[in-house]
Amino acid sequence: MKKKNNILTLILILAIIFIVNVIAQYYFKTFDFTDDKRYTLSKSTVNLLKNQKDVIYVKVLLEGDFPAGFVRLKRNVRNILNEFNSINPKIDFEFQNPLEGSVKEINQAKEALRKQGILPVTLFIGEGNSKTEKNIYPYAIFNYGKRVYVVNLLESQVPGVPQ
């Protein structure tokens, strides 16, 4: 009898976890426990997002193999865009790697980005005694109607000041 109750309890707990997981896939919610609420969207931002009638499409050029700092940046950008999308489902986004494909496709992508004023940033990645160079495009391209806005996702760095 006791073994049967333990099995039923285990099945009930697993069912609850499964149901919570299924529900959580459809609802995005974050909790900001900081004193200054730095990770909470302002009321004006929420109102702006709620009142958007047209689709806003965001293409983020942060897909690929990056060092830890850029993986963190990618995760944070994805989180904020998920939050925007949970407020207004008309905000759609995708992450792309502009340096993926054949040589011809990559060159065409670079030229198209250059025409939009989007230039690569060169990373110097040190692994042991060797250093490699890698070009990346840390940008988000917002398309709203016929308008296009390009946002550089990197803060400008002052020489000698660590980030």
Protein backbone atom coordinates (compact mmCIF):
# COMPACT_ATOMS: atom_id res chain seq x y z
CA MET A 1 0.00 0.00 0.00
CA LYS A 2 2.79 2.43 0.94
CA LYS A 3 4.69 1.58 -2.25
CA LYS A 4 1.55 2.27 -4.30
CA ASN A 5 1.16 5.71 -2.63
CA ASN A 6 4.81 6.54 -3.34
CA ILE A 7 4.36 5.64 -7.02
CA LEU A 8 1.17 7.73 -7.24
CA THR A 9 2.92 10.67 -5.57
CA LEU A 10 5.83 10.41 -8.00
CA ILE A 11 3.47 10.26 -11.00
CA LEU A 12 1.54 13.27 -9.69
CA ILE A 13 4.74 15.31 -9.21
CA LEU A 14 5.98 14.41 -12.70
CA ALA A 15 2.59 15.33 -14.20
CA ILE A 16 2.63 18.72 -12.43
CA ILE A 17 6.18 19.41 -13.66
CA PHE A 18 5.15 18.44 -17.20
CA ILE A 19 2.07 20.70 -17.14
CA VAL A 20 4.07 23.64 -15.75
CA ASN A 21 6.67 23.13 -18.52
CA VAL A 22 4.01 23.08 -21.23
CA ILE A 23 2.41 26.27 -19.88
CA ALA A 24 5.81 27.98 -19.48
CA GLN A 25 6.57 27.44 -23.18
CA TYR A 26 3.70 29.74 -24.11
CA TYR A 27 4.19 32.46 -21.50
CA PHE A 28 7.38 34.43 -21.02
CA LYS A 29 7.79 35.98 -17.58
CA THR A 30 10.85 37.34 -15.85
CA PHE A 31 11.36 38.47 -12.30
CA ASP A 32 13.59 41.42 -11.43
CA PHE A 33 14.88 41.23 -7.88
CA THR A 34 17.31 44.16 -8.20
CA ASP A 35 16.64 47.21 -6.00
CA ASP A 36 16.73 49.64 -8.92
CA LYS A 37 14.64 47.38 -11.23
CA ARG A 38 17.26 47.63 -13.97
CA TYR A 39 15.91 44.55 -15.76
CA THR A 40 12.29 45.73 -15.79
CA LEU A 41 10.82 47.48 -18.83
CA SER A 42 9.49 50.96 -18.13
CA LYS A 43 5.75 51.61 -18.36
CA SER A 44 6.28 53.81 -21.41
CA THR A 45 8.17 51.00 -23.18
CA VAL A 46 5.43 48.50 -22.36
CA ASN A 47 2.77 50.94 -23.62
CA LEU A 48 4.75 51.57 -26.80
CA LEU A 49 5.06 47.83 -27.44
CA LYS A 50 1.38 47.16 -26.69
CA ASN A 51 0.22 49.91 -29.05
CA GLN A 52 2.17 48.70 -32.10
CA LYS A 53 -0.32 47.70 -34.78
CA ASP A 54 2.10 46.62 -37.50
CA VAL A 55 4.62 43.81 -37.45
CA ILE A 56 8.12 44.68 -36.28
CA TYR A 57 10.66 42.23 -37.64
CA VAL A 58 14.10 42.10 -36.01
CA LYS A 59 17.05 40.33 -37.62
CA VAL A 60 19.91 39.86 -35.14
CA LEU A 61 23.29 39.07 -36.70
CA LEU A 62 24.64 37.16 -33.71
CA GLU A 63 24.44 33.56 -34.81
CA GLY A 64 27.59 31.49 -34.92
CA ASP A 65 30.54 30.41 -32.82
CA PHE A 66 31.54 33.25 -30.48
CA PRO A 67 33.60 33.79 -27.32
CA ALA A 68 31.75 33.75 -23.98
CA GLY A 69 31.10 37.51 -23.90
CA PHE A 70 29.25 37.40 -27.20
CA VAL A 71 27.34 34.28 -26.20
CA ARG A 72 26.15 36.26 -23.16
CA LEU A 73 25.24 39.22 -25.39
CA LYS A 74 23.28 36.91 -27.70
CA ARG A 75 21.42 35.37 -24.75
CA ASN A 76 20.55 38.80 -23.32
CA VAL A 77 19.33 40.09 -26.69
CA ARG A 78 17.21 36.96 -27.13
CA ASN A 79 15.74 37.43 -23.63
CA ILE A 80 14.74 41.05 -24.26
CA LEU A 81 13.24 40.19 -27.65
CA ASN A 82 11.30 37.32 -26.05
CA GLU A 83 9.99 39.79 -23.49
CA PHE A 84 8.99 42.21 -26.28
CA ASN A 85 7.24 39.34 -28.08
CA SER A 86 5.36 38.31 -24.94
CA ILE A 87 3.97 41.86 -24.70
CA ASN A 88 3.14 42.06 -28.40
CA PRO A 89 3.23 38.93 -30.61
CA LYS A 90 3.62 41.17 -33.67
CA ILE A 91 7.26 41.62 -32.71
CA ASP A 92 9.02 38.82 -34.54
CA PHE A 93 12.73 38.09 -34.60
CA GLU A 94 15.37 35.69 -35.79
CA PHE A 95 19.10 35.26 -35.34
CA GLN A 96 21.24 34.90 -38.46
CA ASN A 97 24.87 34.33 -39.28
CA PRO A 98 25.75 36.60 -42.23
CA LEU A 99 29.01 34.71 -42.68
CA GLU A 100 27.34 31.38 -43.39
CA GLY A 101 26.92 29.82 -46.81
CA SER A 102 29.00 29.61 -49.95
CA VAL A 103 31.74 32.13 -50.67
CA LYS A 104 29.46 33.86 -53.18
CA GLU A 105 26.58 34.06 -50.66
CA ILE A 106 28.88 35.41 -47.95
CA ASN A 107 30.28 38.09 -50.27
CA GLN A 108 26.75 39.09 -51.33
CA ALA A 109 25.67 39.29 -47.68
CA LYS A 110 28.72 41.41 -46.77
CA GLU A 111 28.02 43.78 -49.67
CA ALA A 112 24.33 44.10 -48.75
CA LEU A 113 25.27 44.86 -45.14
CA ARG A 114 27.91 47.38 -46.22
CA LYS A 115 25.27 49.22 -48.30
CA GLN A 116 23.19 49.53 -45.12
CA GLY A 117 26.16 51.00 -43.27
CA ILE A 118 26.79 47.79 -41.35
CA LEU A 119 30.50 47.13 -41.06
CA PRO A 120 32.13 44.15 -39.36
CA VAL A 121 33.93 44.34 -36.04
CA THR A 122 37.18 42.41 -35.84
CA LEU A 123 37.66 40.20 -32.79
CA PHE A 124 41.08 39.02 -31.75
CA ILE A 125 40.64 35.66 -30.06
CA GLY A 126 43.56 34.28 -28.10
CA GLU A 127 43.80 30.54 -27.58
CA GLY A 128 46.99 29.51 -25.84
CA ASN A 129 49.93 31.02 -27.72
CA SER A 130 47.98 31.63 -30.91
CA LYS A 131 45.64 34.46 -31.76
CA THR A 132 43.05 34.44 -34.48
CA GLU A 133 41.04 37.20 -36.10
CA LYS A 134 37.32 36.87 -36.61
CA ASN A 135 34.92 39.34 -38.19
CA ILE A 136 31.49 39.60 -36.59
CA TYR A 137 28.43 41.76 -37.13
CA PRO A 138 27.02 42.65 -33.68
CA TYR A 139 23.91 44.37 -35.05
CA ALA A 140 20.14 44.13 -34.87
CA ILE A 141 18.16 45.29 -37.90
CA PHE A 142 14.63 46.47 -37.09
CA ASN A 143 12.13 46.49 -39.96
CA TYR A 144 8.91 48.42 -39.32
CA GLY A 145 6.77 48.99 -42.36
CA LYS A 146 9.07 50.49 -44.98
CA ARG A 147 11.50 51.80 -42.37
CA VAL A 148 14.73 50.07 -41.40
CA TYR A 149 16.68 50.86 -38.23
CA VAL A 150 20.13 49.42 -37.59
CA VAL A 151 21.26 49.10 -33.97
CA ASN A 152 24.86 48.42 -32.97
CA LEU A 153 24.70 46.03 -30.01
CA LEU A 154 28.17 46.89 -28.73
CA GLU A 155 28.82 49.78 -26.41
CA SER A 156 31.56 52.04 -27.63
CA GLN A 157 34.72 51.31 -25.72
CA VAL A 158 37.04 53.91 -24.28
CA PRO A 159 40.68 52.79 -24.59
CA GLY A 160 42.04 51.56 -21.26
CA VAL A 161 38.59 51.06 -19.71
CA PRO A 162 37.69 47.36 -19.34
CA GLN A 163 34.19 46.20 -20.27
